[in-house]
Amino acid sequence: MKALSSMGFALFGAALVAISYGLARFAFGLFVPSISAELSLTSYLVGIIGALPFISFVLSTLVAPLAADRLGARNLAILSGSFGVGGLALISQSSDALSLGMGVFICGICTGLMMPALTAAMQALVSRAMHGRVSSIMNAGTSIGIIVAVPTVVFLSDAWRLTYTIFAALTAMGVVAAWYFIPSVSRVIPANAAPPPPITRSQWSRLIRLTIFAFAMGFVSAPYWLFAPDLAVTLGALSPGHTGWLWFAVGVAGLGGAVISDLADRNNPPITQALMLMMLSSSLVLLAASPGQLALAMFSAMVFGLAYMSLTGLYLMTGIRLLPGRLSMGPVLPFMACALGQAVGSPVTGVLVDRLGYADAFAIFSVVGILVAVLSPLYPGHIDYLTEEEEPQPTEAEDTGLQAAYDHQLLDENGDPIEPVAEDAETLS
């Protein structure tokens, strides 16, 4: 294994996220027009198939923490990438809805396993002071993957089989790189760390609210991820190649989501949640109202990308805050909820498109998003890491935020900080 600096690991992790999230999961919507035309798929079938990777994502995420402990970070990352290679290759050879659905389902497994593997590796390679920044950079990898996928659509809009073959080859390169750069650590936290404190009623309440908001956001975002390119082609008469620029705009704007989510986490999460949900809802209406105007459609995509990536980053950081010391639960539950929301929203969108058309279907989801945004005062903000019986104590600036969450996680039984896993040479075998 070749040692990486903290920033080097962040960039490498972003590359693996770009493959597993960007190429294996979210790029599918770009090719829906071409795939639907060749395989004669209805909107309802597309909606069902589009839900499959989110379902497999949730299922694989449930077993990922145990797999990370048993297999180690390196082997889990390799396993994740192998599923990606298999799923992408199967998509490239799909002859009907069944084989296509199997391919996207397998790709969802790749997505669900990758982040836990990277989290385990981060605990071993990255100092606690850098965990928040590294997590934000890795989360931005989704946008990078989407940007990478764009040229293939612009220049190979009808050659979706060749494109997915290229994606499979890139993923195979990621598998080799994972074997070379990721340590074979098996523990996410040090063996001598104190067990995390019991989850209080206040924490459960906040976690449930966070999970509901994440589910709702995933539900509202589902139409855009799956049907936006097809809407632009069907209603706006744009060429399939032009739809690639929509995803380019999503990816570029999404890169700013890491910055916004970090600022939001430090300042006022509920207000940011409300604003970003309003932006997400507005992007749906804007695209449905002007699908034939490429400039406005791209502006809609930029609004969507910025809002979506900001919200996912915010949910990640809030989850860490709510349950410090429980990396297999705190940040994972909102991501699972978001995926479940997308899994439910995709077939619902397909049904509405078949019955009402694209414009009305997107408008309905936009209204749902606005209603959820109105409820944002209920979003869990900052909390103190205290039991319910303790009186809140003033904290120093350095004792708040994500750093405090990770420090809380790495305390010994006496409440004293312990060294991270990276300090133990035995774990870096």
Protein backbone atom coordinates (compact mmCIF):
# COMPACT_ATOMS: atom_id res chain seq x y z
CA MET A 1 0.00 0.00 0.00
CA LYS A 2 1.19 3.49 -0.86
CA ALA A 3 0.62 6.06 1.90
CA LEU A 4 -1.50 9.08 1.04
CA SER A 5 -1.62 12.50 2.64
CA SER A 6 -4.96 13.66 4.07
CA MET A 7 -5.70 15.79 1.01
CA GLY A 8 -4.40 13.06 -1.29
CA PHE A 9 -6.83 10.59 0.26
CA ALA A 10 -9.65 13.14 -0.04
CA LEU A 11 -9.02 13.49 -3.78
CA PHE A 12 -8.64 9.75 -4.24
CA GLY A 13 -11.86 9.15 -2.31
CA ALA A 14 -13.61 11.75 -4.48
CA ALA A 15 -12.46 9.82 -7.56
CA LEU A 16 -13.93 6.56 -6.24
CA VAL A 17 -17.17 8.34 -5.31
CA ALA A 18 -17.22 9.82 -8.82
CA ILE A 19 -17.16 6.29 -10.21
CA SER A 20 -19.58 4.65 -7.77
CA TYR A 21 -22.08 7.51 -7.44
CA GLY A 22 -21.61 9.58 -10.59
CA LEU A 23 -21.09 6.91 -13.26
CA ALA A 24 -22.73 3.83 -11.71
CA ARG A 25 -25.78 5.58 -10.26
CA PHE A 26 -26.71 9.10 -11.36
CA ALA A 27 -25.46 9.04 -14.97
CA PHE A 28 -28.26 6.62 -15.91
CA GLY A 29 -30.78 9.41 -16.40
CA LEU A 30 -28.63 10.87 -19.18
CA PHE A 31 -29.11 7.79 -21.30
CA VAL A 32 -32.81 7.19 -20.66
CA PRO A 33 -33.90 8.74 -24.02
CA SER A 34 -31.55 6.53 -26.05
CA ILE A 35 -32.08 3.39 -23.96
CA SER A 36 -35.87 3.80 -23.93
CA ALA A 37 -35.99 4.22 -27.69
CA GLU A 38 -33.81 1.17 -28.42
CA LEU A 39 -35.42 -1.15 -25.86
CA SER A 40 -38.99 0.22 -26.29
CA LEU A 41 -39.46 1.09 -22.62
CA THR A 42 -42.50 2.96 -21.30
CA SER A 43 -42.19 5.74 -18.73
CA TYR A 44 -43.64 3.40 -16.13
CA LEU A 45 -40.97 0.77 -16.84
CA VAL A 46 -38.25 3.41 -16.75
CA GLY A 47 -39.56 4.52 -13.35
CA ILE A 48 -39.45 0.97 -12.00
CA ILE A 49 -35.95 0.36 -13.34
CA GLY A 50 -34.81 3.74 -12.02
CA ALA A 51 -35.91 2.74 -8.52
CA LEU A 52 -33.84 -0.46 -8.48
CA PRO A 53 -30.39 1.07 -7.80
CA PHE A 54 -31.80 2.99 -4.85
CA ILE A 55 -33.30 -0.18 -3.40
CA SER A 56 -30.05 -2.09 -3.78
CA PHE A 57 -28.20 0.91 -2.33
CA VAL A 58 -30.28 0.70 0.84
CA LEU A 59 -29.90 -3.07 1.14
CA SER A 60 -26.12 -2.96 0.66
CA THR A 61 -25.76 -0.04 3.06
CA LEU A 62 -27.42 -2.11 5.79
CA VAL A 63 -24.69 -4.76 5.63
CA ALA A 64 -21.81 -2.43 4.74
CA PRO A 65 -20.68 -1.62 8.35
CA LEU A 66 -20.42 -5.33 9.19
CA ALA A 67 -18.68 -5.99 5.87
CA ALA A 68 -16.19 -3.17 6.56
CA ASP A 69 -15.35 -4.74 9.93
CA ARG A 70 -15.01 -8.28 8.56
CA LEU A 71 -13.41 -7.62 5.17
CA GLY A 72 -11.44 -4.45 5.85
CA ALA A 73 -11.52 -1.16 4.00
CA ARG A 74 -9.41 -2.32 1.06
CA ASN A 75 -11.34 -5.51 0.33
CA LEU A 76 -14.71 -3.77 0.72
CA ALA A 77 -13.69 -1.03 -1.73
CA ILE A 78 -12.51 -3.69 -4.19
CA LEU A 79 -15.79 -5.58 -3.76
CA SER A 80 -17.74 -2.38 -4.33
CA GLY A 81 -15.81 -1.60 -7.50
CA SER A 82 -16.24 -5.17 -8.75
CA PHE A 83 -20.02 -4.85 -8.45
CA GLY A 84 -19.71 -1.60 -10.40
CA VAL A 85 -17.74 -3.26 -13.19
CA GLY A 86 -20.26 -6.10 -13.42
CA GLY A 87 -23.32 -3.85 -13.33
CA LEU A 88 -22.01 -1.37 -15.89
CA ALA A 89 -20.92 -4.19 -18.21
CA LEU A 90 -24.36 -5.80 -17.93
CA ILE A 91 -26.07 -2.52 -18.79
CA SER A 92 -23.87 -2.19 -21.87
CA GLN A 93 -25.11 -5.59 -23.10
CA SER A 94 -28.76 -5.23 -22.07
CA SER A 95 -31.31 -6.55 -24.55
CA ASP A 96 -34.50 -5.97 -22.57
CA ALA A 97 -35.94 -4.39 -19.44
CA LEU A 98 -34.99 -7.40 -17.27
CA SER A 99 -31.27 -7.38 -18.09
CA LEU A 100 -31.17 -3.58 -17.85
CA GLY A 101 -32.86 -3.72 -14.44
CA MET A 102 -30.36 -6.33 -13.22
CA GLY A 103 -27.48 -4.11 -14.33
CA VAL A 104 -28.70 -0.97 -12.56
CA PHE A 105 -29.56 -3.03 -9.45
CA ILE A 106 -25.98 -4.32 -9.26
CA CYS A 107 -24.68 -0.77 -9.75
CA GLY A 108 -26.66 0.28 -6.69
CA ILE A 109 -24.79 -2.32 -4.62
CA CYS A 110 -21.53 -0.72 -5.74
CA THR A 111 -22.77 2.67 -4.53
CA GLY A 112 -23.93 1.38 -1.15
CA LEU A 113 -20.64 -0.31 -0.29
CA MET A 114 -18.18 2.37 -1.40
CA MET A 115 -18.71 5.13 1.17
CA PRO A 116 -18.46 2.81 4.23
CA ALA A 117 -15.19 1.48 2.80
CA LEU A 118 -13.84 4.99 2.38
CA THR A 119 -15.02 5.93 5.88
CA ALA A 120 -13.11 3.02 7.37
CA ALA A 121 -10.01 3.99 5.44
CA MET A 122 -10.38 7.63 6.45
CA GLN A 123 -10.32 6.67 10.12
CA ALA A 124 -6.95 5.01 9.55
CA LEU A 125 -5.29 7.52 7.23
CA VAL A 126 -6.67 10.96 8.07
CA SER A 127 -6.25 12.99 11.25
CA ARG A 128 -9.43 13.79 13.12
CA ALA A 129 -9.01 17.50 12.48
CA MET A 130 -9.38 16.86 8.74
CA HIS A 131 -12.36 14.49 8.80
CA GLY A 132 -14.97 17.16 8.08
CA ARG A 133 -13.08 18.64 5.15
CA VAL A 134 -12.18 15.24 3.70
CA SER A 135 -15.81 14.07 3.94
CA SER A 136 -16.99 17.19 2.09
CA ILE A 137 -14.43 16.71 -0.69
CA MET A 138 -15.32 13.04 -1.12
CA ASN A 139 -19.04 13.90 -1.25
CA ALA A 140 -18.28 16.31 -4.11
CA GLY A 141 -17.05 13.32 -6.11
CA THR A 142 -20.63 12.71 -7.25
CA SER A 143 -20.53 15.97 -9.18
CA ILE A 144 -17.15 15.05 -10.66
CA GLY A 145 -18.52 11.75 -11.92
CA ILE A 146 -21.48 13.47 -13.53
CA ILE A 147 -19.15 15.93 -15.28
CA VAL A 148 -17.00 13.07 -16.54
CA ALA A 149 -20.07 11.37 -18.02
CA VAL A 150 -21.11 14.45 -20.00
CA PRO A 151 -18.65 14.22 -22.95
CA THR A 152 -19.79 10.67 -23.68
CA VAL A 153 -23.38 11.90 -24.06
CA VAL A 154 -22.45 14.98 -26.10
CA PHE A 155 -20.32 13.04 -28.55
CA LEU A 156 -21.75 9.53 -28.23
CA SER A 157 -25.42 10.28 -27.56
CA ASP A 158 -26.67 7.22 -29.44
CA ALA A 159 -23.79 4.90 -28.53
CA TRP A 160 -24.90 4.21 -24.97
CA ARG A 161 -23.60 0.63 -25.09
CA LEU A 162 -20.08 1.83 -25.92
CA THR A 163 -20.37 4.50 -23.23
CA TYR A 164 -21.23 2.00 -20.52
CA THR A 165 -18.38 -0.21 -21.67
CA ILE A 166 -16.06 2.77 -21.15
CA PHE A 167 -17.59 3.34 -17.70
CA ALA A 168 -16.94 -0.30 -16.81
CA ALA A 169 -13.30 0.06 -17.88
CA LEU A 170 -12.87 3.21 -15.76
CA THR A 171 -14.38 1.40 -12.78
CA ALA A 172 -11.96 -1.50 -13.26
CA MET A 173 -9.11 1.01 -13.06
CA GLY A 174 -10.63 2.26 -9.81
CA VAL A 175 -10.60 -1.29 -8.41
CA VAL A 176 -6.88 -1.58 -9.10
CA ALA A 177 -6.23 1.82 -7.52
CA ALA A 178 -8.25 0.86 -4.44
CA TRP A 179 -6.07 -2.20 -3.93
CA TYR A 180 -2.95 -0.02 -4.20
CA PHE A 181 -3.92 2.98 -2.07
CA ILE A 182 -6.41 1.80 0.58
CA PRO A 183 -5.18 0.10 3.77
CA SER A 184 -6.58 -3.25 4.84
CA VAL A 185 -7.90 -1.96 8.15
CA SER A 186 -10.88 -3.75 9.63
CA ARG A 187 -11.91 -1.45 12.44
CA VAL A 188 -13.64 1.87 11.86
CA ILE A 189 -12.78 2.99 15.41
CA PRO A 190 -9.88 1.98 17.65
CA ALA A 191 -10.26 -1.18 19.66
CA ASN A 192 -9.59 0.72 22.92
CA ALA A 193 -12.21 3.40 22.27
CA ALA A 194 -15.00 3.67 24.78
CA PRO A 195 -18.39 2.51 23.52
CA PRO A 196 -20.60 5.36 22.31
CA PRO A 197 -23.04 6.70 24.89
CA PRO A 198 -26.68 5.54 24.76
CA ILE A 199 -28.89 7.37 22.30
CA THR A 200 -31.12 9.81 24.19
CA ARG A 201 -34.76 10.60 23.48
CA SER A 202 -33.71 14.01 22.17
CA GLN A 203 -31.24 12.42 19.76
CA TRP A 204 -33.84 9.92 18.54
CA SER A 205 -36.31 12.74 17.94
CA ARG A 206 -33.77 14.75 15.97
CA LEU A 207 -32.60 11.73 14.01
CA ILE A 208 -36.15 10.81 13.03
CA ARG A 209 -36.80 14.34 11.81
CA LEU A 210 -33.55 14.33 9.84
CA THR A 211 -34.45 10.99 8.27
CA ILE A 212 -37.92 12.20 7.25
CA PHE A 213 -36.49 15.33 5.64
CA ALA A 214 -33.88 13.25 3.79
CA PHE A 215 -36.59 10.88 2.53
CA ALA A 216 -38.70 13.82 1.34
CA MET A 217 -35.74 15.41 -0.45
CA GLY A 218 -34.93 12.14 -2.20
CA PHE A 219 -38.58 11.79 -3.26
CA VAL A 220 -38.72 15.32 -4.69
CA SER A 221 -35.38 14.96 -6.51
CA ALA A 222 -36.28 11.64 -8.18
CA PRO A 223 -37.99 13.13 -11.29
CA TYR A 224 -34.98 15.27 -12.15
CA TRP A 225 -32.38 12.53 -11.81
CA LEU A 226 -34.34 10.04 -13.89
CA PHE A 227 -36.49 11.98 -16.32
CA ALA A 228 -34.98 15.44 -16.87
CA PRO A 229 -33.08 14.49 -20.05
CA ASP A 230 -36.08 12.65 -21.47
CA LEU A 231 -38.31 15.64 -20.67
CA ALA A 232 -35.94 17.96 -22.55
CA VAL A 233 -35.96 15.60 -25.55
CA THR A 234 -39.72 14.89 -25.51
CA LEU A 235 -41.14 18.33 -24.69
CA GLY A 236 -38.30 20.60 -25.69
CA ALA A 237 -37.24 18.76 -28.85
CA LEU A 238 -33.61 19.00 -27.76
CA SER A 239 -31.22 16.47 -29.23
CA PRO A 240 -29.97 13.71 -26.90
CA GLY A 241 -26.51 15.21 -27.21
CA HIS A 242 -27.69 18.57 -25.84
CA THR A 243 -29.06 16.91 -22.71
CA GLY A 244 -25.47 16.18 -21.71
CA TRP A 245 -25.03 19.88 -21.00
CA LEU A 246 -27.79 19.65 -18.41
CA TRP A 247 -25.76 17.13 -16.43
CA PHE A 248 -22.63 19.22 -16.96
CA ALA A 249 -24.44 22.12 -15.30
CA VAL A 250 -25.63 19.82 -12.48
CA GLY A 251 -22.08 18.62 -11.87
CA VAL A 252 -20.40 22.04 -11.95
CA ALA A 253 -22.94 23.68 -9.67
CA GLY A 254 -22.90 20.65 -7.40
CA LEU A 255 -19.23 21.24 -6.64
CA GLY A 256 -20.32 24.30 -4.68
CA GLY A 257 -22.54 22.11 -2.53
CA ALA A 258 -19.62 21.04 -0.34
CA VAL A 259 -18.90 24.66 0.57
CA ILE A 260 -22.53 25.54 1.21
CA SER A 261 -23.20 22.46 3.33
CA ASP A 262 -20.15 23.17 5.49
CA LEU A 263 -21.21 26.81 6.00
CA ALA A 264 -24.79 25.74 6.67
CA ASP A 265 -23.71 23.20 9.26
CA ARG A 266 -21.76 25.87 11.11
CA ASN A 267 -24.49 28.52 10.98
CA ASN A 268 -28.21 27.87 10.45
CA PRO A 269 -29.08 24.40 9.08
CA PRO A 270 -32.91 24.85 9.13
CA ILE A 271 -32.82 28.02 7.03
CA THR A 272 -30.39 26.45 4.57
CA GLN A 273 -32.57 23.37 4.33
CA ALA A 274 -35.60 25.55 3.51
CA LEU A 275 -33.77 27.63 0.89
CA MET A 276 -32.21 24.61 -0.81
CA LEU A 277 -35.52 22.74 -0.93
CA MET A 278 -37.18 25.79 -2.48
CA MET A 279 -34.40 25.92 -5.07
CA LEU A 280 -34.79 22.20 -5.74
CA SER A 281 -38.53 22.62 -6.28
CA SER A 282 -38.02 25.67 -8.49
CA SER A 283 -35.62 23.76 -10.73
CA LEU A 284 -38.35 21.20 -11.52
CA VAL A 285 -40.85 23.85 -12.57
CA LEU A 286 -38.28 25.84 -14.53
CA LEU A 287 -37.23 22.83 -16.57
CA ALA A 288 -40.83 21.78 -17.26
CA ALA A 289 -41.74 25.33 -18.33
CA SER A 290 -38.81 25.85 -20.72
CA PRO A 291 -37.39 22.50 -21.87
CA GLY A 292 -36.75 23.76 -25.40
CA GLN A 293 -34.56 26.69 -24.32
CA LEU A 294 -31.13 25.24 -23.65
CA ALA A 295 -29.88 28.23 -21.63
CA LEU A 296 -32.85 28.16 -19.24
CA ALA A 297 -32.74 24.39 -19.02
CA MET A 298 -29.05 24.57 -18.06
CA PHE A 299 -29.83 27.23 -15.47
CA SER A 300 -32.45 24.90 -14.03
CA ALA A 301 -29.85 22.14 -13.89
CA MET A 302 -27.39 24.41 -12.08
CA VAL A 303 -30.01 25.30 -9.48
CA PHE A 304 -30.84 21.62 -9.03
CA GLY A 305 -27.21 20.52 -8.74
CA LEU A 306 -26.33 23.18 -6.18
CA ALA A 307 -29.43 22.46 -4.09
CA TYR A 308 -29.13 18.66 -4.20
CA MET A 309 -25.43 18.47 -3.35
CA SER A 310 -25.81 21.08 -0.61
CA LEU A 311 -28.63 19.12 0.99
CA THR A 312 -26.88 15.74 0.85
CA GLY A 313 -23.75 17.28 2.37
CA LEU A 314 -25.83 18.97 5.07
CA TYR A 315 -27.59 15.71 5.92
CA LEU A 316 -24.22 13.94 6.15
CA MET A 317 -22.80 16.49 8.59
CA THR A 318 -25.98 16.69 10.65
CA GLY A 319 -26.00 12.91 10.99
CA ILE A 320 -22.43 12.98 12.31
CA ARG A 321 -23.39 15.67 14.80
CA LEU A 322 -26.47 13.88 16.05
CA LEU A 323 -24.78 10.56 16.77
CA PRO A 324 -21.07 11.08 17.40
CA GLY A 325 -19.27 7.77 17.64
CA ARG A 326 -21.83 5.96 15.49
CA LEU A 327 -20.53 6.36 11.95
CA SER A 328 -22.47 3.28 10.90
CA MET A 329 -25.72 4.97 11.88
CA GLY A 330 -25.60 8.77 12.14
CA PRO A 331 -24.55 9.72 8.59
CA VAL A 332 -25.81 6.46 7.04
CA LEU A 333 -29.49 6.73 8.00
CA PRO A 334 -30.17 10.01 6.14
CA PHE A 335 -28.39 8.67 3.04
CA MET A 336 -30.52 5.54 3.19
CA ALA A 337 -33.64 7.63 3.66
CA CYS A 338 -32.73 9.77 0.66
CA ALA A 339 -32.24 6.64 -1.46
CA LEU A 340 -35.59 5.25 -0.28
CA GLY A 341 -37.24 8.53 -1.23
CA GLN A 342 -35.76 8.27 -4.70
CA ALA A 343 -36.81 4.62 -4.95
CA VAL A 344 -40.41 5.61 -4.16
CA GLY A 345 -40.35 8.76 -6.26
CA SER A 346 -39.06 7.13 -9.45
CA PRO A 347 -42.03 4.81 -10.17
CA VAL A 348 -44.48 7.47 -8.94
CA THR A 349 -42.98 9.85 -11.50
CA GLY A 350 -43.32 7.21 -14.20
CA VAL A 351 -47.01 6.72 -13.43
CA LEU A 352 -47.70 10.46 -13.36
CA VAL A 353 -45.84 11.02 -16.62
CA ASP A 354 -47.87 8.29 -18.34
CA ARG A 355 -51.16 9.71 -17.04
CA LEU A 356 -50.60 13.48 -16.86
CA GLY A 357 -47.51 14.23 -18.91
CA TYR A 358 -44.14 15.59 -17.92
CA ALA A 359 -45.16 19.17 -17.12
CA ASP A 360 -47.91 18.25 -14.64
CA ALA A 361 -45.84 15.45 -13.06
CA PHE A 362 -42.89 17.76 -12.40
CA ALA A 363 -45.24 20.47 -11.06
CA ILE A 364 -46.74 18.03 -8.53
CA PHE A 365 -43.31 17.10 -7.20
CA SER A 366 -42.39 20.77 -7.02
CA VAL A 367 -45.42 21.47 -4.82
CA VAL A 368 -44.44 18.62 -2.53
CA GLY A 369 -40.95 20.08 -2.21
CA ILE A 370 -42.31 23.52 -1.29
CA LEU A 371 -44.57 22.01 1.37
CA VAL A 372 -41.60 20.17 2.89
CA ALA A 373 -39.53 23.37 2.82
CA VAL A 374 -42.22 25.12 4.87
CA LEU A 375 -41.65 22.53 7.61
CA SER A 376 -37.90 23.25 7.77
CA PRO A 377 -38.09 24.95 11.22
CA LEU A 378 -38.41 21.36 12.49
CA TYR A 379 -35.00 20.48 11.01
CA PRO A 380 -32.54 19.46 13.77
CA GLY A 381 -29.99 22.22 14.33
CA HIS A 382 -27.02 22.30 16.66
CA ILE A 383 -26.99 20.11 19.76
CA ASP A 384 -24.81 19.68 22.79
CA TYR A 385 -23.34 16.26 23.37
CA LEU A 386 -24.90 15.89 26.81
CA THR A 387 -27.33 13.57 28.47
CA GLU A 388 -30.81 14.87 28.97
CA GLU A 389 -30.22 15.24 32.70
CA GLU A 390 -27.16 17.47 32.31
CA GLU A 391 -27.27 21.21 32.17
CA PRO A 392 -25.91 22.75 28.96
CA GLN A 393 -22.44 24.17 29.40
CA PRO A 394 -20.80 26.84 27.30
CA THR A 395 -18.33 25.39 24.82
CA GLU A 396 -15.26 26.74 23.18
CA ALA A 397 -15.30 27.25 19.44
CA GLU A 398 -12.87 24.43 18.86
CA ASP A 399 -15.11 22.06 20.82
CA THR A 400 -18.06 22.40 18.48
CA GLY A 401 -18.89 21.17 15.02
CA LEU A 402 -17.70 18.04 13.26
CA GLN A 403 -14.38 18.02 15.09
CA ALA A 404 -16.20 17.74 18.39
CA ALA A 405 -18.24 14.85 17.05
CA TYR A 406 -15.16 12.91 16.04
CA ASP A 407 -13.32 13.78 19.25
CA HIS A 408 -16.30 12.51 21.21
CA GLN A 409 -16.12 9.31 19.24
CA LEU A 410 -12.48 8.70 20.08
CA LEU A 411 -12.48 8.88 23.88
CA ASP A 412 -11.23 6.17 26.16
CA GLU A 413 -13.16 4.85 29.13
CA ASN A 414 -11.92 7.71 31.28
CA GLY A 415 -13.13 10.32 28.82
CA ASP A 416 -9.64 11.22 27.61
CA PRO A 417 -8.82 11.56 23.88
CA ILE A 418 -7.03 8.63 22.31
CA GLU A 419 -4.87 8.44 19.26
CA PRO A 420 -6.52 7.64 15.93
CA VAL A 421 -6.08 4.28 14.26
CA ALA A 422 -3.42 5.66 11.93
CA GLU A 423 -1.03 5.83 14.84
CA ASP A 424 -1.13 2.08 15.26
CA ALA A 425 1.19 0.58 12.68
CA GLU A 426 -0.32 -2.85 13.16
CA THR A 427 -3.58 -1.79 11.57
CA LEU A 428 -1.87 -0.66 8.38
CA SER A 429 -0.93 -4.08 7.18
